[in-house]
Protein backbone atom coordinates (compact mmCIF):
# COMPACT_ATOMS: atom_id res chain seq x y z
CA MET A 1 51.45 -231.53 130.60
CA ASN A 2 51.38 -227.74 130.57
CA ASP A 3 50.91 -225.64 127.41
CA LEU A 4 54.63 -224.81 127.10
CA ASN A 5 55.67 -228.48 127.28
CA LEU A 6 52.93 -229.39 124.84
CA LEU A 7 54.01 -226.68 122.42
CA GLU A 8 57.62 -227.87 122.66
CA ALA A 9 56.48 -231.41 121.84
CA TYR A 10 54.59 -230.20 118.77
CA LEU A 11 57.56 -228.07 117.67
CA ALA A 12 59.87 -231.09 117.84
CA THR A 13 57.56 -233.39 115.86
CA GLU A 14 58.93 -234.98 112.73
CA ILE A 15 56.48 -236.32 110.15
CA PHE A 16 57.61 -239.47 108.35
CA PHE A 17 56.01 -240.60 105.10
CA PHE A 18 56.64 -242.70 102.02
CA ALA A 19 56.54 -240.89 98.68
CA SER A 20 55.55 -242.32 95.33
CA ASP A 21 59.25 -242.99 94.63
CA GLY A 22 59.15 -245.56 97.46
CA LYS A 23 61.63 -243.65 99.60
CA ARG A 24 61.00 -242.65 103.20
CA TYR A 25 61.10 -238.93 103.89
CA LYS A 26 60.54 -236.70 106.89
CA THR A 27 59.85 -233.09 107.60
CA ALA A 28 62.43 -231.91 110.11
CA SER A 29 65.27 -229.48 110.54
CA VAL A 30 67.95 -232.19 110.39
CA ALA A 31 68.00 -235.30 108.18
CA ASP A 32 69.24 -238.59 109.51
CA ALA A 33 70.75 -241.56 107.69
CA GLY A 34 67.41 -243.37 107.29
CA SER A 35 65.46 -240.49 105.79
CA GLN A 36 65.80 -237.73 103.27
CA MET A 37 64.88 -234.22 104.37
CA VAL A 38 62.20 -232.34 102.47
CA ASN A 39 60.98 -228.81 102.85
CA GLU A 40 57.36 -227.76 102.56
CA SER A 41 57.58 -226.83 98.88
CA ASN A 42 59.29 -230.10 97.92
CA LEU A 43 56.73 -232.07 99.90
CA LEU A 44 53.86 -230.56 97.97
CA GLU A 45 55.64 -231.27 94.68
CA MET A 46 56.30 -234.89 95.66
CA LEU A 47 52.58 -235.38 96.27
CA GLY A 48 51.61 -233.63 93.04
CA ARG A 49 51.66 -230.07 91.79
CA ASP A 50 47.90 -229.86 92.26
CA VAL A 51 48.16 -230.14 96.06
CA VAL A 52 46.76 -227.03 97.74
CA ASP A 53 47.05 -227.94 101.43
CA LEU A 54 48.18 -230.81 103.61
CA TRP A 55 46.94 -231.51 107.12
CA VAL A 56 48.28 -234.02 109.64
CA ILE A 57 45.82 -235.44 112.14
CA THR A 58 45.67 -238.38 114.54
CA ALA A 59 43.24 -239.86 117.02
CA PHE A 60 46.04 -241.20 119.24
CA ASN A 61 46.22 -240.14 122.88
CA PRO A 62 43.24 -237.75 123.22
CA ARG A 63 44.07 -234.63 125.24
CA SER A 64 47.69 -235.88 125.25
CA VAL A 65 46.79 -238.63 127.71
CA GLU A 66 48.76 -241.73 126.77
CA LEU A 67 46.53 -244.69 125.96
CA ASP A 68 47.37 -248.32 125.26
CA PRO A 69 48.28 -249.23 121.64
CA LYS A 70 45.09 -251.20 121.00
CA THR A 71 42.84 -248.29 122.03
CA ASN A 72 44.89 -245.83 119.96
CA LYS A 73 44.63 -248.09 116.89
CA THR A 74 40.87 -248.38 117.40
CA TYR A 75 40.53 -244.59 117.58
CA ASN A 76 42.70 -244.12 114.49
CA ALA A 77 40.63 -246.69 112.57
CA ALA A 78 37.51 -244.70 113.45
CA LEU A 79 39.21 -241.49 112.30
CA ALA A 80 40.21 -243.15 109.00
CA ALA A 81 36.58 -244.24 108.53
CA ASP A 82 35.42 -240.66 109.21
CA LEU A 83 37.90 -239.26 106.68
CA SER A 84 36.79 -241.81 104.08
CA ARG A 85 33.11 -241.10 104.76
CA GLU A 86 33.82 -237.39 104.14
CA GLY A 87 35.45 -238.28 100.79
CA ILE A 88 38.79 -236.84 101.89
CA GLU A 89 42.03 -238.12 100.37
CA PHE A 90 44.59 -239.18 102.97
CA ASN A 91 47.72 -241.28 103.48
CA GLU A 92 49.14 -242.89 106.57
CA VAL A 93 52.13 -241.10 108.11
CA HIS A 94 54.09 -241.51 111.30
CA CYS A 95 54.87 -238.63 113.66
CA ALA A 96 57.68 -238.87 116.19
CA SER A 97 59.89 -236.89 118.49
CA PRO A 98 63.60 -237.06 117.69
CA SER A 99 64.61 -236.67 121.34
CA GLU A 100 61.99 -238.71 123.20
CA PRO A 101 60.49 -242.17 122.75
CA TRP A 102 57.17 -240.68 121.62
CA SER A 103 55.49 -241.53 118.33
CA GLU A 104 51.98 -241.66 116.87
CA ASP A 105 50.47 -243.10 113.72
CA SER A 106 48.69 -240.29 111.92
CA PHE A 107 47.11 -239.34 108.63
CA MET A 108 48.21 -236.78 106.05
CA VAL A 109 45.09 -235.24 104.55
CA ILE A 110 45.64 -234.06 100.99
CA CYS A 111 43.56 -231.24 99.50
CA ARG A 112 43.94 -230.88 95.75
CA ASP A 113 41.19 -228.36 95.02
CA GLN A 114 41.25 -224.75 96.18
CA ALA A 115 37.45 -224.64 95.89
CA VAL A 116 37.09 -227.14 98.75
CA ALA A 117 40.17 -226.15 100.81
CA GLU A 118 38.11 -224.35 103.45
CA THR A 119 35.71 -227.29 103.72
CA VAL A 120 38.60 -229.75 104.12
CA ALA A 121 40.21 -227.48 106.74
CA ALA A 122 36.97 -227.25 108.69
CA THR A 123 36.42 -231.02 108.49
CA VAL A 124 39.94 -231.78 109.72
CA GLN A 125 39.52 -229.38 112.63
CA LYS A 126 36.08 -230.75 113.54
CA LEU A 127 37.45 -234.30 113.51
CA ALA A 128 40.40 -233.20 115.66
CA LEU A 129 37.87 -231.79 118.13
CA LYS A 130 35.82 -235.02 117.99
CA TYR A 131 38.94 -237.07 118.78
CA GLU A 132 40.04 -234.55 121.44
CA GLN A 133 43.32 -233.53 119.87
CA ASN A 134 45.19 -230.50 121.16
CA ALA A 135 46.33 -229.47 117.68
CA VAL A 136 46.81 -230.51 114.07
CA PHE A 137 49.52 -229.61 111.56
CA ARG A 138 48.86 -227.69 108.36
CA ILE A 139 51.51 -227.74 105.65
CA THR A 140 51.53 -225.17 102.88
CA ALA A 141 54.15 -224.39 100.24
CA ASP A 142 55.75 -221.90 102.63
CA GLU A 143 55.58 -223.39 106.10
CA GLN A 144 54.30 -225.91 108.58
CA GLN A 145 51.79 -224.57 111.05
CA ILE A 146 50.46 -225.83 114.35
CA VAL A 147 46.72 -225.20 114.41
CA PRO A 148 45.39 -225.35 117.99
CA ILE A 149 42.22 -227.29 118.63
CA LEU A 150 41.80 -227.84 122.38
CA GLN A 151 44.69 -225.81 123.79
CA LEU A 152 48.13 -224.64 122.66
CA ARG A 153 47.50 -220.90 122.75
CA ILE A 154 51.15 -219.94 123.31
CA MET A 155 52.66 -218.22 120.29
CA GLY A 156 56.15 -219.11 119.16
CA GLY A 157 58.49 -221.62 117.66
CA ARG A 158 61.26 -221.65 115.12
CA LYS A 159 60.27 -224.29 112.61
CA TYR A 160 56.52 -224.07 113.00
CA ARG A 161 54.27 -221.08 113.26
CA LEU A 162 51.37 -221.38 115.67
CA VAL A 163 48.19 -220.04 114.07
CA GLU A 164 44.71 -219.44 115.41
CA SER A 165 42.13 -221.96 114.27
CA PRO A 166 39.58 -220.17 112.07
CA ILE A 167 36.62 -222.21 113.27
CA PHE A 168 37.52 -222.62 116.92
CA GLY A 169 39.65 -219.49 117.55
């Protein structure tokens, strides 16, 4: 997969999650019948007003090479163990493409303390490098960003803004 196709795949990604109200939500430009659309600001509020940053990371399909479900689940279990060992709060989420049969189980990392936001960001990016991910998502009150880890150096996109990774840039 070339960088442009990879970027397009990241731009089309929808992130599905369950909120404390028990309803299923997604981040996307268009809501469907099974989900309710949220924007970045609403998402942060749903998770608590004290949320500083959110990150979405997976260990599925390193370097965008499709692996069998059992291997992907094993990698994600190892990632969850790493996140727990680091003392990082996270929830399970599901990322999918609305136009292709692609989906990955992922984790939404929740940072609630500005004093540790840089440490959490660096840890997420180091784990993404460990699990050979091309990029991670960062969600702030204003936008969703694609943060490149292994590749994805093409700038662009409508819904997401591609940003340089501060520790790997």
